[in-house]
């Protein structure tokens, strides 16, 4: 029988500290963009958007600059969310490397 313990610490993750959300978001956006018929964009371009609020439109600006004015950012964003949902449903949210060794 496993003994139940009370946690000594609870971490509320808001910015990719516990969950590997940056990598998941990048991979899902690449899948979304490729499904729209575009070539994947370099990860260094995506890295410019990490830690910046989606509401400020910076990610939209960067992708439209990269792909051109005709790029349908809203469609890419919707497809990205659909890809993320399916991934998380099947695999769960990936954890940052080494987080389970934290005690």
Foldseek 3Di string as FASTA:
>chain_A
DDDDDDDPDDDDDDAQPWFPVLVLLLVLLQVLVVVVVDHRDDVVLSVVCRPPDVVVVPNVVSVCVVVHPPDDVVSSVVSSVVSSVVCCVVPNTHTDPPNVVPD
